[in-house]
Amino acid sequence: EVQLVESGGGLAQPGGSLRLSCAASGFSFSIAAMNWFRQAPGKGLEWVSQITADGGITNYADFVKGRFTVSRDNGKNALYLQMNNLKPEDTAVYYCYHGARRGQGTQVTVSS
């Protein structure tokens, strides 16, 4: 059974940083591309970032480019999202995705 468990969210001030983690199990993580999505209150799901199975290629939505960094540790079956220079508009629930599967999400709130 595919399981994805996000963590690391919380409250951050504008300009601050958070590091999200996603613990994966139930599938061959090391050969799976992974994605981060987010959903802000009252808005639709937004794609944030993608990383290839070996971590060699990463892609980002324009609104996070230069501020967020996706990475992974295949030895730990873990996916990460380092978020720097956070903005209030980054407030959302963040999800890691494997195909169409996702975890419960982790809430990120950016506010002074």
N, C-alpha and C. Protein backbone atom coordinates (compact mmCIF):
# COMPACT_ATOMS: atom_id res chain seq x y z
N GLU A 1 0.85 -1.19 0.00
CA GLU A 1 0.00 0.00 0.00
C GLU A 1 0.88 1.24 0.00
N VAL A 2 0.60 2.12 -0.95
CA VAL A 2 1.33 3.37 -1.02
C VAL A 2 0.99 4.25 0.17
N GLN A 3 2.01 4.72 0.85
CA GLN A 3 1.81 5.67 1.94
C GLN A 3 2.76 6.85 1.77
N LEU A 4 2.23 8.03 1.93
CA LEU A 4 3.00 9.26 1.86
C LEU A 4 2.62 10.09 3.07
N VAL A 5 3.62 10.48 3.84
CA VAL A 5 3.36 11.23 5.07
C VAL A 5 4.19 12.51 5.04
N GLU A 6 3.50 13.63 4.89
CA GLU A 6 4.17 14.92 4.87
C GLU A 6 4.32 15.46 6.29
N SER A 7 5.38 16.22 6.49
CA SER A 7 5.61 16.87 7.77
C SER A 7 6.48 18.10 7.57
N GLY A 8 6.61 18.89 8.61
CA GLY A 8 7.50 20.03 8.56
C GLY A 8 6.81 21.37 8.37
N GLY A 9 5.53 21.34 8.17
CA GLY A 9 4.81 22.60 8.02
C GLY A 9 4.72 23.34 9.34
N GLY A 10 4.17 24.54 9.26
CA GLY A 10 4.01 25.35 10.46
C GLY A 10 3.83 26.79 10.11
N LEU A 11 4.07 27.63 11.09
CA LEU A 11 3.94 29.07 10.92
C LEU A 11 5.31 29.68 10.68
N ALA A 12 5.42 30.48 9.66
CA ALA A 12 6.66 31.17 9.37
C ALA A 12 6.35 32.63 9.07
N GLN A 13 7.31 33.47 9.35
CA GLN A 13 7.16 34.88 9.02
C GLN A 13 7.54 35.12 7.57
N PRO A 14 7.01 36.14 6.96
CA PRO A 14 7.46 36.48 5.61
C PRO A 14 8.98 36.63 5.57
N GLY A 15 9.58 36.03 4.56
CA GLY A 15 11.03 36.01 4.47
C GLY A 15 11.68 34.85 5.17
N GLY A 16 10.89 34.10 5.91
CA GLY A 16 11.41 32.97 6.65
C GLY A 16 11.53 31.71 5.81
N SER A 17 11.88 30.63 6.48
CA SER A 17 12.11 29.36 5.81
C SER A 17 11.43 28.21 6.54
N LEU A 18 11.09 27.22 5.78
CA LEU A 18 10.60 25.95 6.31
C LEU A 18 11.13 24.83 5.42
N ARG A 19 11.28 23.67 6.00
CA ARG A 19 11.67 22.49 5.21
C ARG A 19 10.62 21.41 5.40
N LEU A 20 9.99 21.07 4.31
CA LEU A 20 8.98 20.02 4.34
C LEU A 20 9.63 18.67 4.02
N SER A 21 9.08 17.63 4.62
CA SER A 21 9.53 16.28 4.34
C SER A 21 8.35 15.42 3.95
N CYS A 22 8.63 14.39 3.18
CA CYS A 22 7.61 13.42 2.80
C CYS A 22 8.24 12.04 2.93
N ALA A 23 7.69 11.25 3.83
CA ALA A 23 8.16 9.88 4.02
C ALA A 23 7.31 8.95 3.16
N ALA A 24 7.98 8.20 2.32
CA ALA A 24 7.27 7.36 1.36
C ALA A 24 7.48 5.88 1.67
N SER A 25 6.44 5.10 1.42
CA SER A 25 6.55 3.65 1.58
C SER A 25 5.52 2.97 0.70
N GLY A 26 5.73 1.67 0.48
CA GLY A 26 4.76 0.89 -0.27
C GLY A 26 4.96 0.87 -1.77
N PHE A 27 6.02 1.48 -2.23
CA PHE A 27 6.34 1.44 -3.66
C PHE A 27 7.85 1.65 -3.81
N SER A 28 8.31 1.49 -5.04
CA SER A 28 9.75 1.61 -5.30
C SER A 28 10.11 3.08 -5.44
N PHE A 29 10.35 3.70 -4.33
CA PHE A 29 10.59 5.14 -4.29
C PHE A 29 11.77 5.54 -5.18
N SER A 30 12.81 4.75 -5.19
CA SER A 30 14.03 5.14 -5.88
C SER A 30 13.88 5.20 -7.39
N ILE A 31 12.80 4.66 -7.93
CA ILE A 31 12.59 4.72 -9.38
C ILE A 31 11.37 5.56 -9.73
N ALA A 32 10.90 6.35 -8.77
CA ALA A 32 9.68 7.12 -8.97
C ALA A 32 9.97 8.62 -8.99
N ALA A 33 9.52 9.28 -10.06
CA ALA A 33 9.49 10.74 -10.01
C ALA A 33 8.46 11.17 -8.97
N MET A 34 8.73 12.29 -8.35
CA MET A 34 7.84 12.76 -7.29
C MET A 34 7.51 14.23 -7.52
N ASN A 35 6.37 14.62 -7.01
CA ASN A 35 5.91 16.00 -7.16
C ASN A 35 5.45 16.57 -5.82
N TRP A 36 5.55 17.88 -5.72
CA TRP A 36 4.91 18.63 -4.65
C TRP A 36 3.80 19.48 -5.29
N PHE A 37 2.66 19.48 -4.64
CA PHE A 37 1.54 20.35 -4.99
C PHE A 37 1.13 21.12 -3.74
N ARG A 38 0.34 22.14 -3.95
CA ARG A 38 -0.21 22.85 -2.81
C ARG A 38 -1.63 23.30 -3.10
N GLN A 39 -2.36 23.54 -2.04
CA GLN A 39 -3.73 24.06 -2.18
C GLN A 39 -3.97 25.11 -1.11
N ALA A 40 -4.18 26.32 -1.58
CA ALA A 40 -4.47 27.43 -0.68
C ALA A 40 -5.96 27.44 -0.36
N PRO A 41 -6.34 28.07 0.74
CA PRO A 41 -7.76 28.13 1.11
C PRO A 41 -8.61 28.71 -0.01
N GLY A 42 -9.64 27.99 -0.40
CA GLY A 42 -10.56 28.48 -1.42
C GLY A 42 -10.03 28.44 -2.83
N LYS A 43 -8.86 27.83 -3.02
CA LYS A 43 -8.26 27.77 -4.36
C LYS A 43 -8.04 26.33 -4.79
N GLY A 44 -7.74 26.17 -6.04
CA GLY A 44 -7.50 24.85 -6.58
C GLY A 44 -6.09 24.35 -6.28
N LEU A 45 -5.86 23.11 -6.67
CA LEU A 45 -4.56 22.49 -6.46
C LEU A 45 -3.55 23.09 -7.44
N GLU A 46 -2.37 23.45 -6.93
CA GLU A 46 -1.32 24.02 -7.76
C GLU A 46 -0.10 23.11 -7.74
N TRP A 47 0.45 22.84 -8.89
CA TRP A 47 1.72 22.11 -8.94
C TRP A 47 2.84 23.05 -8.52
N VAL A 48 3.75 22.53 -7.69
CA VAL A 48 4.85 23.34 -7.17
C VAL A 48 6.19 22.92 -7.75
N SER A 49 6.46 21.61 -7.70
CA SER A 49 7.79 21.16 -8.09
C SER A 49 7.78 19.68 -8.43
N GLN A 50 8.75 19.29 -9.25
CA GLN A 50 8.93 17.89 -9.60
C GLN A 50 10.40 17.54 -9.53
N ILE A 51 10.67 16.29 -9.18
CA ILE A 51 12.04 15.79 -9.17
C ILE A 51 12.04 14.40 -9.79
N THR A 52 13.04 14.14 -10.63
CA THR A 52 13.14 12.83 -11.25
C THR A 52 13.60 11.79 -10.23
N ALA A 53 13.54 10.54 -10.64
CA ALA A 53 13.81 9.44 -9.71
C ALA A 53 15.22 9.52 -9.11
N ASP A 54 16.18 9.91 -9.93
CA ASP A 54 17.55 9.98 -9.43
C ASP A 54 17.90 11.36 -8.88
N GLY A 55 16.95 12.25 -8.90
CA GLY A 55 17.18 13.59 -8.38
C GLY A 55 17.96 14.49 -9.32
N GLY A 56 18.24 14.00 -10.52
CA GLY A 56 19.10 14.75 -11.41
C GLY A 56 18.42 15.92 -12.10
N ILE A 57 17.12 15.85 -12.21
CA ILE A 57 16.37 16.92 -12.88
C ILE A 57 15.25 17.39 -11.95
N THR A 58 15.18 18.70 -11.78
CA THR A 58 14.12 19.30 -10.98
C THR A 58 13.43 20.39 -11.79
N ASN A 59 12.18 20.58 -11.52
CA ASN A 59 11.41 21.63 -12.18
C ASN A 59 10.56 22.34 -11.14
N TYR A 60 10.29 23.61 -11.42
CA TYR A 60 9.57 24.42 -10.45
C TYR A 60 8.54 25.29 -11.15
N ALA A 61 7.45 25.53 -10.44
CA ALA A 61 6.50 26.53 -10.91
C ALA A 61 7.17 27.90 -10.81
N ASP A 62 6.79 28.78 -11.71
CA ASP A 62 7.42 30.10 -11.75
C ASP A 62 7.31 30.82 -10.41
N PHE A 63 6.20 30.62 -9.71
CA PHE A 63 5.99 31.40 -8.49
C PHE A 63 6.86 30.94 -7.32
N VAL A 64 7.59 29.84 -7.46
CA VAL A 64 8.51 29.41 -6.40
C VAL A 64 9.95 29.33 -6.89
N LYS A 65 10.16 29.53 -8.17
CA LYS A 65 11.50 29.39 -8.74
C LYS A 65 12.46 30.36 -8.06
N GLY A 66 13.61 29.84 -7.65
CA GLY A 66 14.60 30.67 -6.98
C GLY A 66 14.41 30.75 -5.48
N ARG A 67 13.26 30.26 -4.98
CA ARG A 67 13.01 30.31 -3.53
C ARG A 67 12.90 28.91 -2.92
N PHE A 68 12.36 27.97 -3.68
CA PHE A 68 12.15 26.61 -3.19
C PHE A 68 13.14 25.67 -3.86
N THR A 69 13.55 24.64 -3.12
CA THR A 69 14.43 23.62 -3.66
C THR A 69 13.90 22.24 -3.28
N VAL A 70 13.68 21.41 -4.28
CA VAL A 70 13.24 20.04 -4.03
C VAL A 70 14.45 19.11 -4.04
N SER A 71 14.42 18.13 -3.17
CA SER A 71 15.49 17.15 -3.13
C SER A 71 14.93 15.84 -2.60
N ARG A 72 15.74 14.82 -2.65
CA ARG A 72 15.29 13.51 -2.18
C ARG A 72 16.48 12.72 -1.67
N ASP A 73 16.17 11.75 -0.81
CA ASP A 73 17.16 10.81 -0.32
C ASP A 73 16.58 9.43 -0.56
N ASN A 74 17.02 8.79 -1.61
CA ASN A 74 16.45 7.49 -1.98
C ASN A 74 16.80 6.41 -0.96
N GLY A 75 17.88 6.59 -0.25
CA GLY A 75 18.24 5.64 0.80
C GLY A 75 17.28 5.67 1.98
N LYS A 76 16.63 6.83 2.16
CA LYS A 76 15.69 7.00 3.26
C LYS A 76 14.24 7.04 2.78
N ASN A 77 14.03 6.86 1.48
CA ASN A 77 12.67 6.98 0.92
C ASN A 77 12.03 8.30 1.34
N ALA A 78 12.77 9.37 1.19
CA ALA A 78 12.31 10.67 1.65
C ALA A 78 12.42 11.72 0.57
N LEU A 79 11.43 12.57 0.54
CA LEU A 79 11.36 13.71 -0.37
C LEU A 79 11.34 14.97 0.48
N TYR A 80 11.98 16.02 -0.01
CA TYR A 80 12.06 17.26 0.76
C TYR A 80 11.69 18.45 -0.10
N LEU A 81 11.26 19.51 0.57
CA LEU A 81 11.05 20.78 -0.10
C LEU A 81 11.57 21.87 0.83
N GLN A 82 12.70 22.44 0.48
CA GLN A 82 13.25 23.56 1.23
C GLN A 82 12.61 24.84 0.70
N MET A 83 11.96 25.56 1.58
CA MET A 83 11.24 26.77 1.17
C MET A 83 11.87 27.96 1.86
N ASN A 84 12.45 28.84 1.07
CA ASN A 84 13.10 30.05 1.59
C ASN A 84 12.35 31.28 1.11
N ASN A 85 12.61 32.39 1.76
CA ASN A 85 12.00 33.66 1.39
C ASN A 85 10.48 33.50 1.23
N LEU A 86 9.87 32.91 2.22
CA LEU A 86 8.44 32.63 2.14
C LEU A 86 7.62 33.90 2.08
N LYS A 87 6.51 33.81 1.36
CA LYS A 87 5.60 34.93 1.19
C LYS A 87 4.22 34.52 1.71
N PRO A 88 3.41 35.50 2.10
CA PRO A 88 2.06 35.16 2.57
C PRO A 88 1.28 34.32 1.56
N GLU A 89 1.51 34.56 0.29
CA GLU A 89 0.79 33.80 -0.73
C GLU A 89 1.26 32.35 -0.85
N ASP A 90 2.30 31.98 -0.11
CA ASP A 90 2.71 30.58 -0.04
C ASP A 90 1.87 29.79 0.97
N THR A 91 1.04 30.47 1.70
CA THR A 91 0.17 29.80 2.66
C THR A 91 -0.73 28.80 1.95
N ALA A 92 -0.64 27.54 2.37
CA ALA A 92 -1.38 26.47 1.71
C ALA A 92 -1.12 25.16 2.45
N VAL A 93 -1.88 24.16 2.08
CA VAL A 93 -1.55 22.79 2.47
C VAL A 93 -0.69 22.22 1.36
N TYR A 94 0.43 21.66 1.74
CA TYR A 94 1.40 21.12 0.79
C TYR A 94 1.33 19.59 0.80
N TYR A 95 1.30 19.03 -0.39
CA TYR A 95 1.19 17.58 -0.55
C TYR A 95 2.33 17.05 -1.41
N CYS A 96 2.83 15.88 -1.05
CA CYS A 96 3.72 15.18 -1.98
C CYS A 96 2.86 14.15 -2.72
N TYR A 97 3.21 13.98 -3.97
CA TYR A 97 2.45 13.10 -4.84
C TYR A 97 3.35 12.05 -5.48
N HIS A 98 2.83 10.83 -5.51
CA HIS A 98 3.39 9.76 -6.33
C HIS A 98 2.27 9.35 -7.27
N GLY A 99 2.39 9.70 -8.53
CA GLY A 99 1.29 9.48 -9.45
C GLY A 99 0.09 10.28 -8.97
N ALA A 100 -1.02 9.58 -8.77
CA ALA A 100 -2.23 10.24 -8.29
C ALA A 100 -2.39 10.13 -6.78
N ARG A 101 -1.45 9.51 -6.13
CA ARG A 101 -1.53 9.30 -4.68
C ARG A 101 -0.86 10.45 -3.94
N ARG A 102 -1.43 10.82 -2.80
CA ARG A 102 -0.85 11.86 -1.98
C ARG A 102 -1.05 11.53 -0.52
N GLY A 103 -0.33 12.27 0.32
CA GLY A 103 -0.52 12.09 1.74
C GLY A 103 -1.60 13.00 2.27
N GLN A 104 -1.58 13.20 3.58
CA GLN A 104 -2.61 14.02 4.24
C GLN A 104 -2.28 15.51 4.12
N GLY A 105 -1.07 15.79 3.74
CA GLY A 105 -0.66 17.18 3.59
C GLY A 105 -0.11 17.77 4.87
N THR A 106 0.60 18.87 4.72
CA THR A 106 1.11 19.61 5.87
C THR A 106 0.83 21.09 5.65
N GLN A 107 0.31 21.73 6.68
CA GLN A 107 -0.12 23.12 6.55
C GLN A 107 1.07 24.06 6.69
N VAL A 108 1.19 24.96 5.76
CA VAL A 108 2.18 26.03 5.83
C VAL A 108 1.44 27.36 5.90
N THR A 109 1.73 28.12 6.92
CA THR A 109 1.12 29.44 7.08
C THR A 109 2.22 30.48 7.18
N VAL A 110 2.15 31.46 6.31
CA VAL A 110 3.15 32.52 6.29
C VAL A 110 2.45 33.82 6.68
N SER A 111 2.82 34.32 7.84
CA SER A 111 2.14 35.50 8.36
C SER A 111 3.02 36.18 9.38
N SER A 112 2.91 37.49 9.46
CA SER A 112 3.63 38.23 10.48
C SER A 112 2.76 38.41 11.71
